[in-house]
């Protein structure tokens, strides 16, 4: 009789109660599989192509074709600040909602992967945008430090497939099924 009670008590403790299961955006949190390297790389390339077009158009319209070519040859601090603000506005316009709602950029959504924190929950927009994306963008604009951003992507070849920006934000990229 006593062993039966211990067995039932153990079974109750080993299974989470329904209220302990976190539900967000009609998805039940579960343990996710790390995204494969090729999906992560493809997502970055899709995001880069999608970002590149409006970014170049902005620069051409803002500076004009001839002035833009001159600025590329010898950029100043004013150009750096305007370019950084343009990058933030364009990127947030393209990916802000998706990052907040699903933990995905356009490329990640296309590749069916998403960003989660280390407990497999969707990270806050501050974590997924400021610490993951913006920090690397800013570092890539600073001479001598920009080499860090160039090596960031190579960290997908480590055992846990996390890049430097994943470590700074406490996140990882996982596979997900999108309905």
N, C-alpha and C. Protein backbone atom coordinates (compact mmCIF):
# COMPACT_ATOMS: atom_id res chain seq x y z
N UNK A 1 0.83 -1.19 0.00
CA UNK A 1 0.00 0.00 0.00
C UNK A 1 0.87 1.26 0.00
N UNK A 2 1.90 1.24 0.86
CA UNK A 2 2.76 2.40 0.95
C UNK A 2 3.54 2.61 -0.35
N UNK A 3 3.98 1.52 -0.98
CA UNK A 3 4.70 1.65 -2.25
C UNK A 3 3.79 2.18 -3.36
N UNK A 4 2.50 1.84 -3.30
CA UNK A 4 1.53 2.37 -4.27
C UNK A 4 1.43 3.89 -4.13
N UNK A 5 1.36 4.39 -2.89
CA UNK A 5 1.26 5.83 -2.65
C UNK A 5 2.52 6.55 -3.12
N UNK A 6 3.68 5.97 -2.84
CA UNK A 6 4.94 6.56 -3.29
C UNK A 6 5.01 6.59 -4.82
N UNK A 7 4.52 5.53 -5.45
CA UNK A 7 4.52 5.45 -6.90
C UNK A 7 3.62 6.55 -7.50
N UNK A 8 2.43 6.74 -6.94
CA UNK A 8 1.51 7.77 -7.42
C UNK A 8 2.10 9.17 -7.19
N UNK A 9 2.72 9.37 -6.04
CA UNK A 9 3.33 10.66 -5.72
C UNK A 9 4.46 10.97 -6.71
N UNK A 10 5.26 9.96 -7.03
CA UNK A 10 6.35 10.13 -7.99
C UNK A 10 5.79 10.47 -9.37
N UNK A 11 4.74 9.79 -9.80
CA UNK A 11 4.13 10.04 -11.10
C UNK A 11 3.59 11.46 -11.18
N UNK A 12 2.97 11.95 -10.10
CA UNK A 12 2.44 13.30 -10.09
C UNK A 12 3.56 14.33 -10.20
N UNK A 13 4.68 14.08 -9.54
CA UNK A 13 5.79 15.02 -9.55
C UNK A 13 6.51 15.03 -10.90
N UNK A 14 6.52 13.93 -11.59
CA UNK A 14 7.27 13.85 -12.84
C UNK A 14 6.51 14.44 -14.02
N UNK A 15 5.20 14.63 -13.90
CA UNK A 15 4.42 15.21 -14.99
C UNK A 15 4.01 16.63 -14.62
N UNK A 16 4.29 17.60 -15.48
CA UNK A 16 3.93 18.98 -15.15
C UNK A 16 2.41 19.17 -15.16
N UNK A 17 1.95 20.00 -14.27
CA UNK A 17 0.54 20.33 -14.24
C UNK A 17 0.21 21.19 -15.44
N UNK A 18 -1.06 21.20 -15.85
CA UNK A 18 -1.48 21.93 -17.04
C UNK A 18 -1.16 23.42 -16.94
N UNK A 19 -1.29 23.99 -15.74
CA UNK A 19 -1.01 25.42 -15.61
C UNK A 19 0.48 25.74 -15.68
N UNK A 20 1.35 24.74 -15.59
CA UNK A 20 2.78 24.97 -15.71
C UNK A 20 3.23 25.04 -17.17
N UNK A 21 2.39 24.55 -18.07
CA UNK A 21 2.73 24.60 -19.49
C UNK A 21 2.50 26.01 -19.98
N UNK A 22 3.53 26.62 -20.53
CA UNK A 22 3.42 28.00 -20.99
C UNK A 22 2.87 28.02 -22.41
N UNK A 23 1.85 28.84 -22.62
CA UNK A 23 1.26 28.95 -23.94
C UNK A 23 1.40 30.40 -24.41
N UNK A 24 1.94 30.58 -25.62
CA UNK A 24 2.07 31.91 -26.19
C UNK A 24 1.85 31.80 -27.69
N UNK A 25 1.02 32.65 -28.22
CA UNK A 25 0.73 32.67 -29.65
C UNK A 25 0.20 31.33 -30.14
N UNK A 26 -0.60 30.67 -29.33
CA UNK A 26 -1.21 29.38 -29.66
C UNK A 26 -0.20 28.26 -29.87
N UNK A 27 1.00 28.43 -29.38
CA UNK A 27 2.01 27.38 -29.44
C UNK A 27 2.27 26.92 -28.01
N UNK A 28 2.34 25.63 -27.81
CA UNK A 28 2.72 25.09 -26.51
C UNK A 28 4.23 24.96 -26.52
N UNK A 29 4.87 25.54 -25.52
CA UNK A 29 6.34 25.45 -25.45
C UNK A 29 6.76 24.01 -25.30
N UNK A 30 7.82 23.67 -25.98
CA UNK A 30 8.38 22.33 -25.91
C UNK A 30 9.88 22.46 -26.11
N UNK A 31 10.57 21.39 -26.01
CA UNK A 31 12.00 21.40 -26.26
C UNK A 31 12.19 21.35 -27.77
N UNK A 32 12.91 22.33 -28.29
CA UNK A 32 13.10 22.43 -29.72
C UNK A 32 14.44 21.85 -30.14
N UNK A 33 14.53 21.50 -31.40
CA UNK A 33 15.76 21.00 -31.99
C UNK A 33 16.53 22.21 -32.53
N UNK A 34 17.82 22.27 -32.29
CA UNK A 34 18.63 23.38 -32.83
C UNK A 34 18.52 23.41 -34.34
N UNK A 35 18.42 24.61 -34.87
CA UNK A 35 18.32 24.78 -36.32
C UNK A 35 19.61 24.31 -36.99
N UNK A 36 19.47 23.69 -38.14
CA UNK A 36 20.67 23.23 -38.85
C UNK A 36 21.43 24.42 -39.40
N UNK A 37 22.69 24.21 -39.63
CA UNK A 37 23.57 25.29 -40.07
C UNK A 37 23.14 25.86 -41.42
N UNK A 38 22.74 24.98 -42.33
CA UNK A 38 22.34 25.45 -43.66
C UNK A 38 21.09 26.32 -43.60
N UNK A 39 20.14 26.00 -42.71
CA UNK A 39 18.94 26.82 -42.57
C UNK A 39 19.29 28.19 -42.00
N UNK A 40 20.19 28.22 -41.03
CA UNK A 40 20.61 29.50 -40.46
C UNK A 40 21.32 30.36 -41.49
N UNK A 41 22.21 29.75 -42.25
CA UNK A 41 22.94 30.49 -43.28
C UNK A 41 21.99 30.99 -44.36
N UNK A 42 21.07 30.15 -44.79
CA UNK A 42 20.09 30.56 -45.81
C UNK A 42 19.22 31.70 -45.30
N UNK A 43 18.83 31.66 -44.03
CA UNK A 43 18.01 32.73 -43.45
C UNK A 43 18.76 34.05 -43.44
N UNK A 44 20.06 34.01 -43.12
CA UNK A 44 20.88 35.22 -43.13
C UNK A 44 20.97 35.79 -44.55
N UNK A 45 21.14 34.91 -45.53
CA UNK A 45 21.25 35.37 -46.91
C UNK A 45 19.93 35.98 -47.40
N UNK A 46 18.81 35.35 -47.07
CA UNK A 46 17.50 35.89 -47.44
C UNK A 46 17.31 37.26 -46.80
N UNK A 47 17.60 37.36 -45.50
CA UNK A 47 17.47 38.65 -44.81
C UNK A 47 18.38 39.72 -45.44
N UNK A 48 19.59 39.34 -45.82
CA UNK A 48 20.53 40.30 -46.40
C UNK A 48 20.01 40.82 -47.74
N UNK A 49 19.51 39.93 -48.57
CA UNK A 49 18.99 40.35 -49.87
C UNK A 49 17.77 41.25 -49.70
N UNK A 50 16.87 40.87 -48.81
CA UNK A 50 15.67 41.66 -48.57
C UNK A 50 16.04 43.03 -47.99
N UNK A 51 17.03 43.09 -47.12
CA UNK A 51 17.47 44.35 -46.51
C UNK A 51 18.23 45.22 -47.51
N UNK A 52 19.05 44.60 -48.33
CA UNK A 52 19.95 45.32 -49.22
C UNK A 52 19.21 46.23 -50.19
N UNK A 53 18.12 45.79 -50.74
CA UNK A 53 17.39 46.56 -51.76
C UNK A 53 16.87 47.89 -51.20
N UNK A 54 16.08 47.89 -50.10
CA UNK A 54 15.63 49.20 -49.59
C UNK A 54 16.78 50.06 -49.05
N UNK A 55 17.82 49.43 -48.53
CA UNK A 55 18.96 50.18 -48.02
C UNK A 55 19.67 50.95 -49.14
N UNK A 56 19.94 50.29 -50.23
CA UNK A 56 20.59 50.95 -51.37
C UNK A 56 19.68 52.02 -51.96
N UNK A 57 18.38 51.72 -52.09
CA UNK A 57 17.44 52.72 -52.60
C UNK A 57 17.40 53.96 -51.70
N UNK A 58 17.41 53.75 -50.38
CA UNK A 58 17.43 54.88 -49.45
C UNK A 58 18.66 55.75 -49.70
N UNK A 59 19.82 55.12 -49.76
CA UNK A 59 21.06 55.88 -49.95
C UNK A 59 21.08 56.62 -51.29
N UNK A 60 20.60 55.98 -52.34
CA UNK A 60 20.59 56.62 -53.65
C UNK A 60 19.64 57.81 -53.67
N UNK A 61 18.48 57.68 -53.04
CA UNK A 61 17.53 58.80 -53.00
C UNK A 61 17.98 59.90 -52.04
N UNK A 62 18.54 59.52 -50.91
CA UNK A 62 18.95 60.50 -49.90
C UNK A 62 20.16 61.31 -50.36
N UNK A 63 21.17 60.64 -50.88
CA UNK A 63 22.41 61.31 -51.25
C UNK A 63 22.50 61.64 -52.74
N UNK A 64 21.76 60.94 -53.56
CA UNK A 64 21.92 61.06 -55.01
C UNK A 64 23.02 60.11 -55.45
N UNK A 65 22.96 59.69 -56.71
CA UNK A 65 23.91 58.69 -57.20
C UNK A 65 25.34 59.17 -57.12
N UNK A 66 25.63 60.37 -57.62
CA UNK A 66 27.01 60.87 -57.64
C UNK A 66 27.54 61.11 -56.22
N UNK A 67 26.73 61.73 -55.38
CA UNK A 67 27.17 61.98 -54.01
C UNK A 67 27.38 60.69 -53.24
N UNK A 68 26.53 59.71 -53.47
CA UNK A 68 26.66 58.43 -52.76
C UNK A 68 27.97 57.74 -53.11
N UNK A 69 28.34 57.79 -54.37
CA UNK A 69 29.62 57.18 -54.78
C UNK A 69 30.80 57.88 -54.11
N UNK A 70 30.73 59.20 -53.96
CA UNK A 70 31.78 59.95 -53.26
C UNK A 70 31.82 59.59 -51.77
N UNK A 71 30.65 59.47 -51.17
CA UNK A 71 30.57 59.15 -49.73
C UNK A 71 31.12 57.76 -49.45
N UNK A 72 30.88 56.82 -50.36
CA UNK A 72 31.41 55.46 -50.19
C UNK A 72 32.94 55.50 -50.15
N UNK A 73 33.54 56.36 -50.97
CA UNK A 73 35.00 56.46 -51.02
C UNK A 73 35.59 57.05 -49.75
N UNK A 74 34.90 58.04 -49.17
CA UNK A 74 35.42 58.67 -47.95
C UNK A 74 34.25 59.02 -47.01
N UNK A 75 33.76 58.04 -46.30
CA UNK A 75 32.62 58.29 -45.41
C UNK A 75 33.03 59.09 -44.18
N UNK A 76 32.10 59.90 -43.69
CA UNK A 76 32.33 60.69 -42.49
C UNK A 76 31.42 60.23 -41.37
N UNK A 77 31.54 60.87 -40.23
CA UNK A 77 30.73 60.50 -39.06
C UNK A 77 29.25 60.77 -39.31
N UNK A 78 28.95 61.85 -40.06
CA UNK A 78 27.55 62.16 -40.39
C UNK A 78 26.92 61.05 -41.21
N UNK A 79 27.67 60.57 -42.19
CA UNK A 79 27.18 59.46 -43.02
C UNK A 79 26.98 58.21 -42.16
N UNK A 80 27.92 57.97 -41.25
CA UNK A 80 27.81 56.81 -40.36
C UNK A 80 26.53 56.87 -39.54
N UNK A 81 26.23 58.02 -38.96
CA UNK A 81 25.04 58.16 -38.11
C UNK A 81 23.76 58.01 -38.93
N UNK A 82 23.71 58.68 -40.09
CA UNK A 82 22.52 58.58 -40.95
C UNK A 82 22.33 57.14 -41.43
N UNK A 83 23.42 56.49 -41.80
CA UNK A 83 23.35 55.11 -42.26
C UNK A 83 22.88 54.18 -41.14
N UNK A 84 23.39 54.38 -39.94
CA UNK A 84 22.98 53.56 -38.81
C UNK A 84 21.49 53.73 -38.51
N UNK A 85 21.02 54.97 -38.51
CA UNK A 85 19.59 55.22 -38.28
C UNK A 85 18.75 54.59 -39.39
N UNK A 86 19.19 54.73 -40.63
CA UNK A 86 18.48 54.13 -41.75
C UNK A 86 18.43 52.61 -41.62
N UNK A 87 19.55 52.01 -41.20
CA UNK A 87 19.60 50.55 -41.00
C UNK A 87 18.58 50.11 -39.96
N UNK A 88 18.52 50.83 -38.86
CA UNK A 88 17.59 50.47 -37.78
C UNK A 88 16.15 50.60 -38.26
N UNK A 89 15.83 51.72 -38.92
CA UNK A 89 14.45 51.94 -39.38
C UNK A 89 14.05 50.90 -40.42
N UNK A 90 14.91 50.64 -41.38
CA UNK A 90 14.59 49.65 -42.42
C UNK A 90 14.45 48.27 -41.81
N UNK A 91 15.40 47.88 -40.96
CA UNK A 91 15.36 46.55 -40.36
C UNK A 91 14.14 46.36 -39.46
N UNK A 92 13.83 47.37 -38.64
CA UNK A 92 12.65 47.26 -37.78
C UNK A 92 11.37 47.25 -38.60
N UNK A 93 11.35 47.98 -39.71
CA UNK A 93 10.17 47.96 -40.58
C UNK A 93 9.96 46.58 -41.19
N UNK A 94 11.05 45.95 -41.57
CA UNK A 94 10.96 44.63 -42.20
C UNK A 94 10.73 43.51 -41.18
N UNK A 95 11.43 43.58 -40.04
CA UNK A 95 11.46 42.43 -39.13
C UNK A 95 10.93 42.66 -37.72
N UNK A 96 10.65 43.89 -37.34
CA UNK A 96 10.26 44.19 -35.96
C UNK A 96 9.06 43.40 -35.47
N UNK A 97 7.99 43.41 -36.24
CA UNK A 97 6.77 42.70 -35.83
C UNK A 97 7.02 41.20 -35.74
N UNK A 98 7.68 40.66 -36.75
CA UNK A 98 7.95 39.21 -36.75
C UNK A 98 8.83 38.80 -35.57
N UNK A 99 9.83 39.62 -35.25
CA UNK A 99 10.68 39.31 -34.11
C UNK A 99 9.88 39.32 -32.81
N UNK A 100 9.02 40.32 -32.66
CA UNK A 100 8.22 40.42 -31.44
C UNK A 100 7.20 39.29 -31.33
N UNK A 101 6.49 39.02 -32.40
CA UNK A 101 5.37 38.07 -32.35
C UNK A 101 5.82 36.61 -32.44
N UNK A 102 6.82 36.33 -33.28
CA UNK A 102 7.21 34.94 -33.54
C UNK A 102 8.67 34.61 -33.26
N UNK A 103 9.49 35.60 -32.96
CA UNK A 103 10.91 35.35 -32.77
C UNK A 103 11.61 35.04 -34.09
N UNK A 104 11.11 35.64 -35.17
CA UNK A 104 11.65 35.35 -36.49
C UNK A 104 11.88 36.62 -37.30
N UNK A 105 12.84 36.55 -38.20
CA UNK A 105 12.98 37.55 -39.25
C UNK A 105 12.30 36.96 -40.48
N UNK A 106 12.26 37.71 -41.57
CA UNK A 106 11.66 37.17 -42.80
C UNK A 106 12.40 35.91 -43.24
N UNK A 107 13.73 35.96 -43.20
CA UNK A 107 14.52 34.80 -43.60
C UNK A 107 14.31 33.60 -42.69
N UNK A 108 14.24 33.83 -41.39
CA UNK A 108 13.99 32.73 -40.45
C UNK A 108 12.60 32.14 -40.65
N UNK A 109 11.62 32.99 -40.91
CA UNK A 109 10.26 32.50 -41.16
C UNK A 109 10.24 31.64 -42.42
N UNK A 110 10.91 32.11 -43.46
CA UNK A 110 11.00 31.38 -44.71
C UNK A 110 11.67 30.01 -44.50
N UNK A 111 12.69 29.96 -43.65
CA UNK A 111 13.42 28.71 -43.41
C UNK A 111 12.84 27.88 -42.27
N UNK A 112 11.74 28.34 -41.67
CA UNK A 112 11.05 27.63 -40.59
C UNK A 112 11.95 27.41 -39.37
N UNK A 113 12.62 28.50 -38.98
CA UNK A 113 13.41 28.48 -37.76
C UNK A 113 13.05 29.73 -36.97
N UNK A 114 13.36 29.75 -35.68
CA UNK A 114 13.06 30.92 -34.87
C UNK A 114 14.04 31.06 -33.73
N UNK A 115 14.00 32.24 -33.11
CA UNK A 115 14.86 32.57 -31.98
C UNK A 115 14.09 32.28 -30.70
N UNK A 116 14.73 31.58 -29.78
CA UNK A 116 14.16 31.36 -28.45
C UNK A 116 15.24 31.63 -27.42
N UNK A 117 14.81 31.85 -26.18
CA UNK A 117 15.81 32.00 -25.12
C UNK A 117 16.26 30.59 -24.70
N UNK A 118 17.09 30.52 -23.70
CA UNK A 118 17.66 29.22 -23.31
C UNK A 118 16.64 28.31 -22.62
N UNK A 119 15.46 28.86 -22.29
CA UNK A 119 14.39 28.04 -21.72
C UNK A 119 13.31 27.74 -22.77
N UNK A 120 13.64 27.96 -24.03
CA UNK A 120 12.76 27.70 -25.16
C UNK A 120 11.52 28.58 -25.20
N UNK A 121 11.59 29.78 -24.63
CA UNK A 121 10.51 30.76 -24.72
C UNK A 121 10.91 31.83 -25.72
N UNK A 122 9.90 32.51 -26.28
CA UNK A 122 10.21 33.63 -27.17
C UNK A 122 10.89 34.72 -26.37
N UNK A 123 12.00 35.25 -26.86
CA UNK A 123 12.68 36.33 -26.14
C UNK A 123 11.96 37.65 -26.35
N UNK A 124 12.25 38.59 -25.48
CA UNK A 124 11.67 39.93 -25.62
C UNK A 124 12.25 40.59 -26.87
N UNK A 125 11.58 41.63 -27.34
CA UNK A 125 12.07 42.36 -28.51
C UNK A 125 13.43 43.00 -28.20
N UNK A 126 13.62 43.45 -26.98
CA UNK A 126 14.91 44.03 -26.59
C UNK A 126 16.01 43.00 -26.74
N UNK A 127 15.76 41.80 -26.26
CA UNK A 127 16.76 40.74 -26.34
C UNK A 127 16.98 40.31 -27.79
N UNK A 128 15.89 40.10 -28.53
CA UNK A 128 16.04 39.57 -29.88
C UNK A 128 16.51 40.63 -30.87
N UNK A 129 16.25 41.91 -30.59
CA UNK A 129 16.69 42.93 -31.54
C UNK A 129 17.95 43.66 -31.06
N UNK A 130 17.88 44.26 -29.90
CA UNK A 130 19.02 45.07 -29.45
C UNK A 130 20.27 44.24 -29.22
N UNK A 131 20.15 43.14 -28.52
CA UNK A 131 21.34 42.35 -28.18
C UNK A 131 21.79 41.42 -29.30
N UNK A 132 20.86 40.95 -30.10
CA UNK A 132 21.23 40.04 -31.18
C UNK A 132 21.61 40.77 -32.46
N UNK A 133 20.78 41.68 -32.89
CA UNK A 133 20.96 42.29 -34.21
C UNK A 133 21.72 43.62 -34.15
N UNK A 134 21.23 44.54 -33.36
CA UNK A 134 21.79 45.88 -33.36
C UNK A 134 23.22 45.92 -32.84
N UNK A 135 23.51 45.14 -31.82
CA UNK A 135 24.86 45.11 -31.28
C UNK A 135 25.88 44.72 -32.34
N UNK A 136 25.58 43.71 -33.14
CA UNK A 136 26.49 43.26 -34.19
C UNK A 136 26.60 44.32 -35.28
N UNK A 137 25.47 44.97 -35.63
CA UNK A 137 25.51 46.03 -36.64
C UNK A 137 26.42 47.17 -36.19
N UNK A 138 26.26 47.59 -34.95
CA UNK A 138 27.09 48.69 -34.43
C UNK A 138 28.56 48.28 -34.39
N UNK A 139 28.83 47.07 -33.90
CA UNK A 139 30.23 46.61 -33.85
C UNK A 139 30.85 46.52 -35.24
N UNK A 140 30.05 46.16 -36.23
CA UNK A 140 30.58 46.03 -37.59
C UNK A 140 30.95 47.37 -38.20
N UNK A 141 30.47 48.45 -37.62
CA UNK A 141 30.77 49.79 -38.13
C UNK A 141 31.99 50.43 -37.47
N UNK A 142 32.52 49.81 -36.43
CA UNK A 142 33.65 50.38 -35.70
C UNK A 142 34.95 49.75 -36.20
N UNK A 143 35.86 50.57 -36.72
CA UNK A 143 37.13 50.01 -37.21
C UNK A 143 37.87 49.23 -36.12
N UNK A 144 38.54 48.19 -36.53
CA UNK A 144 39.32 47.28 -35.70
C UNK A 144 38.44 46.34 -34.88
N UNK A 145 37.29 46.79 -34.44
CA UNK A 145 36.36 45.91 -33.71
C UNK A 145 35.46 45.17 -34.69
N UNK A 146 35.32 45.72 -35.90
CA UNK A 146 34.42 45.12 -36.88
C UNK A 146 34.80 43.70 -37.28
N UNK A 147 36.01 43.31 -37.00
CA UNK A 147 36.43 41.94 -37.31
C UNK A 147 35.62 40.92 -36.51
N UNK A 148 35.14 41.31 -35.34
CA UNK A 148 34.30 40.43 -34.53
C UNK A 148 33.04 40.04 -35.29
N UNK A 149 32.42 41.02 -35.93
CA UNK A 149 31.18 40.74 -36.66
C UNK A 149 31.43 39.83 -37.86
N UNK A 150 32.63 39.90 -38.43
CA UNK A 150 32.92 39.04 -39.57
C UNK A 150 33.06 37.57 -39.15
N UNK A 151 33.51 37.33 -37.93
CA UNK A 151 33.68 35.96 -37.45
C UNK A 151 32.43 35.43 -36.74
N UNK A 152 31.49 36.29 -36.49
CA UNK A 152 30.28 35.91 -35.76
C UNK A 152 29.59 34.71 -36.39
N UNK A 153 29.39 34.71 -37.69
CA UNK A 153 28.64 33.65 -38.36
C UNK A 153 29.36 32.30 -38.28
N UNK A 154 30.67 32.31 -38.16
CA UNK A 154 31.41 31.05 -38.12
C UNK A 154 31.16 30.26 -36.84
N UNK A 155 30.56 30.89 -35.84
CA UNK A 155 30.25 30.20 -34.61
C UNK A 155 29.12 29.17 -34.79
N UNK A 156 28.43 29.19 -35.93
CA UNK A 156 27.42 28.15 -36.17
C UNK A 156 28.07 26.78 -36.34
N UNK A 157 29.38 26.76 -36.53
CA UNK A 157 30.08 25.50 -36.68
C UNK A 157 30.55 24.90 -35.36
N UNK A 158 30.21 25.57 -34.24
CA UNK A 158 30.53 24.99 -32.94
C UNK A 158 29.49 23.92 -32.61
N UNK A 159 29.73 23.19 -31.55
CA UNK A 159 28.86 22.08 -31.19
C UNK A 159 27.41 22.52 -30.94
N UNK A 160 27.22 23.63 -30.25
CA UNK A 160 25.84 24.06 -29.93
C UNK A 160 25.25 25.01 -30.98
N UNK A 161 25.99 25.30 -32.06
CA UNK A 161 25.50 26.09 -33.19
C UNK A 161 25.02 27.49 -32.81
N UNK A 162 25.62 28.08 -31.81
CA UNK A 162 25.25 29.43 -31.38
C UNK A 162 26.32 30.41 -31.81
N UNK A 163 25.89 31.54 -32.37
CA UNK A 163 26.81 32.60 -32.78
C UNK A 163 27.11 33.51 -31.60
N UNK A 164 28.03 34.44 -31.80
CA UNK A 164 28.36 35.39 -30.74
C UNK A 164 27.13 36.16 -30.28
N UNK A 165 26.30 36.58 -31.25
CA UNK A 165 25.11 37.34 -30.87
C UNK A 165 24.12 36.48 -30.08
N UNK A 166 24.13 35.18 -30.26
CA UNK A 166 23.30 34.29 -29.43
C UNK A 166 23.81 34.28 -27.99
N UNK A 167 25.12 34.26 -27.83
CA UNK A 167 25.70 34.28 -26.49
C UNK A 167 25.42 35.60 -25.78
N UNK A 168 25.55 36.73 -26.50
CA UNK A 168 25.31 38.02 -25.85
C UNK A 168 23.85 38.20 -25.45
N UNK A 169 22.93 37.62 -26.22
CA UNK A 169 21.50 37.77 -25.93
C UNK A 169 20.93 36.62 -25.12
N UNK A 170 21.71 35.55 -24.92
CA UNK A 170 21.20 34.38 -24.20
C UNK A 170 20.11 33.68 -24.99
N UNK A 171 20.33 33.55 -26.30
CA UNK A 171 19.33 32.93 -27.18
C UNK A 171 19.95 31.80 -27.98
N UNK A 172 19.07 31.11 -28.69
CA UNK A 172 19.49 30.09 -29.64
C UNK A 172 18.47 30.07 -30.76
N UNK A 173 18.82 29.46 -31.88
CA UNK A 173 17.92 29.37 -33.02
C UNK A 173 17.51 27.91 -33.17
N UNK A 174 16.20 27.70 -33.30
CA UNK A 174 15.66 26.34 -33.33
C UNK A 174 14.73 26.15 -34.51
N UNK A 175 14.46 24.89 -34.82
CA UNK A 175 13.50 24.55 -35.86
C UNK A 175 12.09 24.73 -35.33
N UNK A 176 11.17 25.07 -36.20
CA UNK A 176 9.78 25.25 -35.79
C UNK A 176 8.87 24.93 -36.98
N UNK A 177 7.72 24.40 -36.67
CA UNK A 177 6.70 24.18 -37.68
C UNK A 177 5.74 25.34 -37.67
N UNK A 178 5.55 25.97 -38.80
CA UNK A 178 4.63 27.09 -38.90
C UNK A 178 3.34 26.61 -39.54
N UNK A 179 2.21 26.83 -38.88
CA UNK A 179 0.94 26.35 -39.47
C UNK A 179 0.57 27.13 -40.72
